């Protein structure tokens, strides 16, 4: 498989399989998972970055345990729409995963994910700064994945 357009991702999955959503940070990877109907994204886990092989192994274990067949990776596009070094890093991460396992991967523009989740966690959940730090990356991954799921549904005409 390869990196595909978000509108083609659902068709690339086996029936009734979930997706993982990733928010790739410099020190952590926020992970979210969809339900098997590809309707709702939920925060799942925070992986502390160390070695790529260990990170990939953990992601593949999560995929197996959650019956996930593919991934949506947040792409940190600049506000003007250009791609900088962080985008290149995300694209390299995806290419490296594809060298280890054949799976469908799509990117999703994540420009607003962390700020939107931070605002929500402050205003709606009333979490302290320390509590927000614990959940922000997982929550941002869920926000990214939910945006992708909604786009996939729109593309399918559902």
N, C-alpha and C. Protein backbone atom coordinates (compact mmCIF):
# COMPACT_ATOMS: atom_id res chain seq x y z
N UNK A 1 0.87 -1.17 0.00
CA UNK A 1 0.00 0.00 0.00
C UNK A 1 0.91 1.22 0.00
N UNK A 2 0.30 2.33 -0.03
CA UNK A 2 1.09 3.56 -0.07
C UNK A 2 0.34 4.64 0.68
N UNK A 3 0.86 5.81 0.60
CA UNK A 3 0.16 6.96 1.17
C UNK A 3 -0.93 7.33 0.18
N UNK A 4 -2.16 7.40 0.68
CA UNK A 4 -3.29 7.63 -0.20
C UNK A 4 -4.08 8.86 0.25
N UNK A 5 -4.95 9.31 -0.61
CA UNK A 5 -5.82 10.44 -0.29
C UNK A 5 -6.85 10.01 0.75
N UNK A 6 -7.21 10.93 1.60
CA UNK A 6 -8.15 10.62 2.68
C UNK A 6 -9.48 10.11 2.14
N UNK A 7 -9.89 10.56 0.97
CA UNK A 7 -11.17 10.14 0.39
C UNK A 7 -11.13 8.69 -0.09
N UNK A 8 -9.93 8.12 -0.23
CA UNK A 8 -9.78 6.74 -0.68
C UNK A 8 -9.48 5.77 0.46
N UNK A 9 -9.32 6.31 1.66
CA UNK A 9 -8.87 5.48 2.78
C UNK A 9 -9.88 4.42 3.18
N UNK A 10 -11.14 4.76 3.29
CA UNK A 10 -12.15 3.78 3.72
C UNK A 10 -12.18 2.58 2.77
N UNK A 11 -12.07 2.83 1.48
CA UNK A 11 -12.10 1.74 0.50
C UNK A 11 -10.87 0.85 0.58
N UNK A 12 -9.78 1.36 1.14
CA UNK A 12 -8.54 0.59 1.25
C UNK A 12 -8.53 -0.32 2.48
N UNK A 13 -9.52 -0.17 3.35
CA UNK A 13 -9.59 -0.97 4.57
C UNK A 13 -10.44 -2.22 4.35
N UNK A 14 -10.13 -3.26 5.09
CA UNK A 14 -11.01 -4.43 5.12
C UNK A 14 -12.31 -4.00 5.81
N UNK A 15 -13.42 -4.67 5.53
CA UNK A 15 -14.69 -4.30 6.17
C UNK A 15 -14.61 -4.38 7.69
N UNK A 16 -15.27 -3.43 8.33
CA UNK A 16 -15.40 -3.37 9.78
C UNK A 16 -14.05 -3.37 10.50
N UNK A 17 -13.15 -2.57 9.98
CA UNK A 17 -11.84 -2.39 10.60
C UNK A 17 -11.69 -0.93 10.99
N UNK A 18 -10.97 -0.69 12.05
CA UNK A 18 -10.78 0.65 12.59
C UNK A 18 -9.57 1.33 11.97
N UNK A 19 -9.39 2.59 12.34
CA UNK A 19 -8.21 3.38 11.95
C UNK A 19 -7.53 3.91 13.21
N UNK A 20 -6.23 4.06 13.15
CA UNK A 20 -5.51 4.80 14.18
C UNK A 20 -5.28 6.21 13.66
N UNK A 21 -5.32 7.17 14.56
CA UNK A 21 -4.95 8.55 14.25
C UNK A 21 -3.72 8.92 15.04
N UNK A 22 -2.77 9.59 14.41
CA UNK A 22 -1.52 9.95 15.08
C UNK A 22 -1.29 11.45 15.07
N UNK A 23 -0.87 11.96 16.21
CA UNK A 23 -0.39 13.33 16.33
C UNK A 23 1.08 13.22 16.69
N UNK A 24 1.95 13.41 15.69
CA UNK A 24 3.39 13.24 15.88
C UNK A 24 4.01 14.51 16.43
N UNK A 25 4.46 14.44 17.66
CA UNK A 25 5.15 15.56 18.26
C UNK A 25 6.65 15.30 18.28
N UNK A 26 7.39 16.24 18.83
CA UNK A 26 8.83 16.06 18.92
C UNK A 26 9.22 15.03 19.97
N UNK A 27 8.44 14.96 21.07
CA UNK A 27 8.77 14.05 22.16
C UNK A 27 7.76 12.93 22.36
N UNK A 28 6.58 13.09 21.79
CA UNK A 28 5.53 12.10 22.00
C UNK A 28 4.74 11.86 20.72
N UNK A 29 4.01 10.76 20.73
CA UNK A 29 3.06 10.45 19.66
C UNK A 29 1.71 10.25 20.33
N UNK A 30 0.78 11.13 20.02
CA UNK A 30 -0.57 10.96 20.50
C UNK A 30 -1.28 9.98 19.59
N UNK A 31 -1.99 9.02 20.17
CA UNK A 31 -2.66 7.99 19.38
C UNK A 31 -4.15 8.00 19.72
N UNK A 32 -4.96 7.92 18.68
CA UNK A 32 -6.41 7.79 18.82
C UNK A 32 -6.86 6.61 17.97
N UNK A 33 -8.07 6.15 18.22
CA UNK A 33 -8.61 5.03 17.47
C UNK A 33 -10.05 5.34 17.09
N UNK A 34 -10.46 4.84 15.93
CA UNK A 34 -11.85 4.97 15.52
C UNK A 34 -12.61 3.71 15.92
N UNK A 35 -13.92 3.81 15.86
CA UNK A 35 -14.73 2.61 15.98
C UNK A 35 -14.72 1.90 14.62
N UNK A 36 -15.26 0.69 14.56
CA UNK A 36 -15.18 -0.07 13.31
C UNK A 36 -16.13 0.46 12.23
N UNK A 37 -17.08 1.31 12.62
CA UNK A 37 -17.94 1.92 11.61
C UNK A 37 -17.33 3.20 11.05
N UNK A 38 -16.13 3.56 11.52
CA UNK A 38 -15.41 4.75 11.07
C UNK A 38 -16.24 6.02 11.27
N UNK A 39 -16.86 6.10 12.45
CA UNK A 39 -17.72 7.23 12.76
C UNK A 39 -17.16 8.11 13.87
N UNK A 40 -16.62 7.49 14.92
CA UNK A 40 -16.20 8.22 16.11
C UNK A 40 -14.74 7.92 16.44
N UNK A 41 -13.98 8.97 16.73
CA UNK A 41 -12.59 8.85 17.16
C UNK A 41 -12.50 9.05 18.66
N UNK A 42 -11.65 8.26 19.30
CA UNK A 42 -11.44 8.36 20.75
C UNK A 42 -9.96 8.39 21.06
N UNK A 43 -9.55 9.23 22.02
CA UNK A 43 -8.14 9.22 22.44
C UNK A 43 -7.77 7.84 22.98
N UNK A 44 -6.55 7.40 22.70
CA UNK A 44 -6.16 6.06 23.11
C UNK A 44 -4.93 6.04 24.00
N UNK A 45 -3.82 6.57 23.51
CA UNK A 45 -2.56 6.38 24.23
C UNK A 45 -1.57 7.47 23.86
N UNK A 46 -0.60 7.64 24.73
CA UNK A 46 0.52 8.54 24.47
C UNK A 46 1.79 7.70 24.46
N UNK A 47 2.50 7.75 23.36
CA UNK A 47 3.76 7.02 23.24
C UNK A 47 4.91 8.01 23.36
N UNK A 48 5.79 7.77 24.29
CA UNK A 48 6.99 8.60 24.44
C UNK A 48 7.98 8.19 23.36
N UNK A 49 8.47 9.17 22.61
CA UNK A 49 9.41 8.87 21.53
C UNK A 49 10.75 8.41 22.10
N UNK A 50 11.29 7.37 21.47
CA UNK A 50 12.61 6.88 21.83
C UNK A 50 13.30 6.42 20.55
N UNK A 51 13.09 5.16 20.17
CA UNK A 51 13.64 4.64 18.92
C UNK A 51 12.48 4.33 17.98
N UNK A 52 12.67 4.60 16.72
CA UNK A 52 11.59 4.39 15.76
C UNK A 52 11.08 2.95 15.79
N UNK A 53 11.95 1.98 15.87
CA UNK A 53 11.51 0.59 15.83
C UNK A 53 10.60 0.27 17.02
N UNK A 54 10.89 0.83 18.18
CA UNK A 54 10.04 0.61 19.36
C UNK A 54 8.69 1.31 19.19
N UNK A 55 8.71 2.50 18.64
CA UNK A 55 7.48 3.24 18.39
C UNK A 55 6.60 2.48 17.39
N UNK A 56 7.21 2.01 16.31
CA UNK A 56 6.47 1.27 15.29
C UNK A 56 5.91 -0.03 15.87
N UNK A 57 6.70 -0.72 16.66
CA UNK A 57 6.24 -1.96 17.29
C UNK A 57 5.02 -1.69 18.16
N UNK A 58 5.05 -0.62 18.94
CA UNK A 58 3.90 -0.29 19.79
C UNK A 58 2.67 0.05 18.94
N UNK A 59 2.87 0.82 17.88
CA UNK A 59 1.75 1.16 17.00
C UNK A 59 1.14 -0.08 16.36
N UNK A 60 1.98 -1.00 15.92
CA UNK A 60 1.46 -2.22 15.30
C UNK A 60 0.72 -3.09 16.32
N UNK A 61 1.19 -3.11 17.56
CA UNK A 61 0.47 -3.84 18.61
C UNK A 61 -0.89 -3.20 18.88
N UNK A 62 -0.93 -1.87 18.90
CA UNK A 62 -2.21 -1.18 19.08
C UNK A 62 -3.15 -1.47 17.92
N UNK A 63 -2.61 -1.48 16.71
CA UNK A 63 -3.44 -1.79 15.55
C UNK A 63 -4.05 -3.18 15.68
N UNK A 64 -3.24 -4.15 16.09
CA UNK A 64 -3.74 -5.52 16.22
C UNK A 64 -4.81 -5.62 17.31
N UNK A 65 -4.57 -4.99 18.44
CA UNK A 65 -5.51 -5.10 19.56
C UNK A 65 -6.81 -4.34 19.30
N UNK A 66 -6.77 -3.32 18.45
CA UNK A 66 -7.95 -2.51 18.15
C UNK A 66 -8.56 -2.82 16.79
N UNK A 67 -8.06 -3.87 16.14
CA UNK A 67 -8.55 -4.28 14.83
C UNK A 67 -8.51 -3.12 13.82
N UNK A 68 -7.38 -2.45 13.79
CA UNK A 68 -7.18 -1.33 12.88
C UNK A 68 -6.34 -1.78 11.68
N UNK A 69 -6.71 -1.29 10.52
CA UNK A 69 -6.00 -1.64 9.28
C UNK A 69 -5.21 -0.50 8.68
N UNK A 70 -5.43 0.73 9.13
CA UNK A 70 -4.75 1.86 8.52
C UNK A 70 -4.55 2.98 9.51
N UNK A 71 -3.93 4.06 9.02
CA UNK A 71 -3.61 5.20 9.88
C UNK A 71 -3.91 6.52 9.19
N UNK A 72 -4.26 7.49 10.02
CA UNK A 72 -4.34 8.88 9.61
C UNK A 72 -3.29 9.60 10.43
N UNK A 73 -2.39 10.27 9.76
CA UNK A 73 -1.31 11.00 10.44
C UNK A 73 -1.54 12.50 10.25
N UNK A 74 -1.55 13.22 11.36
CA UNK A 74 -1.70 14.66 11.29
C UNK A 74 -0.49 15.28 10.61
N UNK A 75 -0.75 16.17 9.68
CA UNK A 75 0.32 16.85 8.94
C UNK A 75 0.33 18.32 9.36
N UNK A 76 1.39 18.75 10.05
CA UNK A 76 1.44 20.12 10.58
C UNK A 76 1.79 21.17 9.52
N UNK A 77 0.84 21.42 8.66
CA UNK A 77 1.02 22.40 7.58
C UNK A 77 1.12 23.80 8.19
N UNK A 78 1.97 24.64 7.61
CA UNK A 78 2.09 26.02 8.09
C UNK A 78 0.78 26.77 7.82
N UNK A 79 0.57 27.86 8.52
CA UNK A 79 -0.66 28.62 8.38
C UNK A 79 -0.87 29.13 6.96
N UNK A 80 0.21 29.34 6.21
CA UNK A 80 0.07 29.81 4.83
C UNK A 80 -0.09 28.66 3.83
N UNK A 81 -0.21 27.44 4.35
CA UNK A 81 -0.42 26.28 3.49
C UNK A 81 0.84 25.59 3.01
N UNK A 82 1.99 26.11 3.35
CA UNK A 82 3.24 25.48 2.93
C UNK A 82 3.64 24.40 3.93
N UNK A 83 4.56 23.55 3.50
CA UNK A 83 5.06 22.49 4.36
C UNK A 83 6.49 22.78 4.76
N UNK A 84 6.74 22.67 6.05
CA UNK A 84 8.09 22.90 6.57
C UNK A 84 8.73 21.62 7.06
N UNK A 85 9.76 21.74 7.87
CA UNK A 85 10.50 20.58 8.38
C UNK A 85 9.64 19.59 9.17
N UNK A 86 8.66 20.07 9.90
CA UNK A 86 7.81 19.15 10.67
C UNK A 86 6.98 18.28 9.74
N UNK A 87 6.51 18.83 8.64
CA UNK A 87 5.77 18.03 7.65
C UNK A 87 6.69 16.98 7.04
N UNK A 88 7.90 17.38 6.73
CA UNK A 88 8.87 16.43 6.17
C UNK A 88 9.13 15.29 7.13
N UNK A 89 9.19 15.60 8.43
CA UNK A 89 9.40 14.59 9.45
C UNK A 89 8.22 13.61 9.52
N UNK A 90 7.00 14.13 9.42
CA UNK A 90 5.80 13.28 9.42
C UNK A 90 5.77 12.39 8.20
N UNK A 91 6.12 12.94 7.06
CA UNK A 91 6.13 12.15 5.83
C UNK A 91 7.20 11.05 5.91
N UNK A 92 8.36 11.37 6.49
CA UNK A 92 9.42 10.37 6.66
C UNK A 92 8.97 9.26 7.62
N UNK A 93 8.26 9.64 8.68
CA UNK A 93 7.74 8.65 9.64
C UNK A 93 6.82 7.68 8.90
N UNK A 94 5.93 8.20 8.07
CA UNK A 94 5.00 7.36 7.31
C UNK A 94 5.77 6.43 6.36
N UNK A 95 6.73 6.97 5.65
CA UNK A 95 7.52 6.13 4.73
C UNK A 95 8.23 5.01 5.48
N UNK A 96 8.76 5.33 6.66
CA UNK A 96 9.46 4.32 7.46
C UNK A 96 8.49 3.23 7.94
N UNK A 97 7.27 3.62 8.31
CA UNK A 97 6.27 2.62 8.70
C UNK A 97 5.95 1.70 7.53
N UNK A 98 5.83 2.29 6.34
CA UNK A 98 5.50 1.51 5.15
C UNK A 98 6.62 0.53 4.78
N UNK A 99 7.83 0.83 5.18
CA UNK A 99 8.93 -0.11 4.93
C UNK A 99 8.79 -1.35 5.81
N UNK A 100 8.13 -1.19 6.96
CA UNK A 100 7.95 -2.30 7.89
C UNK A 100 6.67 -3.08 7.67
N UNK A 101 5.63 -2.39 7.20
CA UNK A 101 4.33 -3.04 7.03
C UNK A 101 3.55 -2.36 5.92
N UNK A 102 2.88 -3.18 5.14
CA UNK A 102 2.05 -2.69 4.05
C UNK A 102 0.68 -2.32 4.62
N UNK A 103 0.39 -1.03 4.69
CA UNK A 103 -0.89 -0.56 5.22
C UNK A 103 -1.25 0.77 4.59
N UNK A 104 -2.54 1.08 4.55
CA UNK A 104 -2.93 2.38 4.00
C UNK A 104 -2.71 3.49 5.02
N UNK A 105 -2.10 4.56 4.58
CA UNK A 105 -1.85 5.73 5.41
C UNK A 105 -2.32 6.96 4.66
N UNK A 106 -3.01 7.84 5.37
CA UNK A 106 -3.42 9.12 4.79
C UNK A 106 -3.00 10.23 5.74
N UNK A 107 -2.78 11.41 5.20
CA UNK A 107 -2.45 12.57 6.02
C UNK A 107 -3.68 13.45 6.17
N UNK A 108 -3.72 14.18 7.28
CA UNK A 108 -4.81 15.12 7.54
C UNK A 108 -4.22 16.41 8.09
N UNK A 109 -4.61 17.53 7.52
CA UNK A 109 -4.13 18.85 7.95
C UNK A 109 -4.48 19.06 9.42
N UNK A 110 -3.48 19.22 10.23
CA UNK A 110 -3.70 19.34 11.67
C UNK A 110 -3.43 20.75 12.21
N UNK A 111 -3.48 21.75 11.37
CA UNK A 111 -3.12 23.10 11.80
C UNK A 111 -3.78 23.53 13.10
N UNK A 112 -5.02 23.19 13.29
CA UNK A 112 -5.75 23.71 14.45
C UNK A 112 -5.96 22.69 15.56
N UNK A 113 -5.45 21.48 15.41
CA UNK A 113 -5.80 20.41 16.34
C UNK A 113 -5.37 20.68 17.78
N UNK A 114 -4.11 21.01 17.99
CA UNK A 114 -3.65 21.21 19.37
C UNK A 114 -4.29 22.44 20.01
N UNK A 115 -4.40 23.52 19.25
CA UNK A 115 -5.00 24.73 19.84
C UNK A 115 -6.49 24.52 20.11
N UNK A 116 -7.18 23.80 19.23
CA UNK A 116 -8.60 23.53 19.44
C UNK A 116 -8.80 22.65 20.67
N UNK A 117 -7.98 21.63 20.81
CA UNK A 117 -8.12 20.74 21.97
C UNK A 117 -7.71 21.45 23.25
N UNK A 118 -6.69 22.27 23.19
CA UNK A 118 -6.28 23.03 24.37
C UNK A 118 -7.42 23.93 24.83
N UNK A 119 -8.02 24.64 23.89
CA UNK A 119 -9.14 25.53 24.21
C UNK A 119 -10.30 24.74 24.83
N UNK A 120 -10.62 23.59 24.23
CA UNK A 120 -11.70 22.76 24.75
C UNK A 120 -11.38 22.28 26.16
N UNK A 121 -10.16 21.81 26.38
CA UNK A 121 -9.80 21.28 27.69
C UNK A 121 -9.80 22.36 28.77
N UNK A 122 -9.54 23.60 28.38
CA UNK A 122 -9.58 24.71 29.34
C UNK A 122 -11.02 25.13 29.59
N UNK A 123 -11.76 25.40 28.51
CA UNK A 123 -13.10 25.98 28.63
C UNK A 123 -14.17 24.97 29.02
N UNK A 124 -14.13 23.80 28.43
CA UNK A 124 -15.21 22.83 28.65
C UNK A 124 -14.88 21.82 29.74
N UNK A 125 -13.67 21.30 29.72
CA UNK A 125 -13.31 20.26 30.68
C UNK A 125 -12.72 20.84 31.96
N UNK A 126 -12.35 22.12 31.92
CA UNK A 126 -11.80 22.81 33.08
C UNK A 126 -10.60 22.08 33.68
N UNK A 127 -9.69 21.63 32.82
CA UNK A 127 -8.51 20.92 33.29
C UNK A 127 -7.38 21.89 33.60
N UNK A 128 -6.61 21.56 34.61
CA UNK A 128 -5.43 22.36 34.96
C UNK A 128 -4.36 22.17 33.88
N UNK A 129 -3.37 23.03 33.90
CA UNK A 129 -2.27 22.93 32.94
C UNK A 129 -1.59 21.56 33.02
N UNK A 130 -1.36 21.05 34.22
CA UNK A 130 -0.71 19.74 34.38
C UNK A 130 -1.57 18.63 33.80
N UNK A 131 -2.86 18.66 34.05
CA UNK A 131 -3.77 17.63 33.52
C UNK A 131 -3.86 17.73 32.00
N UNK A 132 -3.87 18.97 31.47
CA UNK A 132 -3.93 19.15 30.01
C UNK A 132 -2.70 18.56 29.36
N UNK A 133 -1.54 18.74 29.96
CA UNK A 133 -0.30 18.21 29.39
C UNK A 133 -0.37 16.69 29.26
N UNK A 134 -1.09 16.04 30.17
CA UNK A 134 -1.21 14.59 30.13
C UNK A 134 -2.10 14.10 29.00
N UNK A 135 -3.08 14.91 28.59
CA UNK A 135 -4.07 14.41 27.63
C UNK A 135 -4.06 15.12 26.28
N UNK A 136 -3.33 16.21 26.15
CA UNK A 136 -3.43 17.03 24.94
C UNK A 136 -3.06 16.27 23.66
N UNK A 137 -1.99 15.50 23.66
CA UNK A 137 -1.55 14.83 22.43
C UNK A 137 -2.52 13.73 22.02
N UNK A 138 -3.04 12.96 22.99
CA UNK A 138 -4.04 11.94 22.67
C UNK A 138 -5.32 12.60 22.15
N UNK A 139 -5.68 13.70 22.80
CA UNK A 139 -6.89 14.42 22.39
C UNK A 139 -6.71 15.04 21.01
N UNK A 140 -5.53 15.58 20.74
CA UNK A 140 -5.27 16.16 19.41
C UNK A 140 -5.31 15.06 18.35
N UNK A 141 -4.82 13.87 18.69
CA UNK A 141 -4.88 12.75 17.73
C UNK A 141 -6.34 12.39 17.44
N UNK A 142 -7.19 12.42 18.47
CA UNK A 142 -8.61 12.14 18.26
C UNK A 142 -9.27 13.23 17.41
N UNK A 143 -8.88 14.47 17.63
CA UNK A 143 -9.41 15.60 16.85
C UNK A 143 -9.01 15.44 15.37
N UNK A 144 -7.77 15.08 15.14
CA UNK A 144 -7.27 14.84 13.78
C UNK A 144 -8.05 13.71 13.13
N UNK A 145 -8.15 12.60 13.84
CA UNK A 145 -8.84 11.43 13.29
C UNK A 145 -10.31 11.73 13.04
N UNK A 146 -10.96 12.46 13.94
CA UNK A 146 -12.37 12.77 13.76
C UNK A 146 -12.59 13.64 12.52
N UNK A 147 -11.70 14.60 12.31
CA UNK A 147 -11.80 15.42 11.09
C UNK A 147 -11.67 14.57 9.84
N UNK A 148 -10.75 13.63 9.86
CA UNK A 148 -10.55 12.74 8.72
C UNK A 148 -11.77 11.84 8.52
N UNK A 149 -12.31 11.29 9.61
CA UNK A 149 -13.49 10.44 9.50
C UNK A 149 -14.67 11.20 8.91
N UNK A 150 -14.86 12.44 9.38
CA UNK A 150 -15.95 13.27 8.85
C UNK A 150 -15.77 13.53 7.36
N UNK A 151 -14.56 13.80 6.94
CA UNK A 151 -14.27 14.03 5.52
C UNK A 151 -14.51 12.78 4.70
N UNK A 152 -14.13 11.63 5.25
CA UNK A 152 -14.36 10.37 4.57
C UNK A 152 -15.85 10.11 4.37
N UNK A 153 -16.65 10.41 5.38
CA UNK A 153 -18.11 10.24 5.29
C UNK A 153 -18.68 11.19 4.23
N UNK A 154 -18.21 12.43 4.23
CA UNK A 154 -18.66 13.41 3.23
C UNK A 154 -18.34 12.93 1.82
N UNK A 155 -17.12 12.41 1.65
CA UNK A 155 -16.69 11.94 0.32
C UNK A 155 -17.52 10.75 -0.14
N UNK A 156 -17.97 9.94 0.82
CA UNK A 156 -18.76 8.75 0.48
C UNK A 156 -20.24 9.10 0.26
N UNK A 157 -20.60 10.36 0.57
CA UNK A 157 -21.98 10.78 0.39
C UNK A 157 -22.90 10.33 1.49
N UNK A 158 -22.33 9.95 2.63
CA UNK A 158 -23.14 9.46 3.75
C UNK A 158 -23.68 10.59 4.58
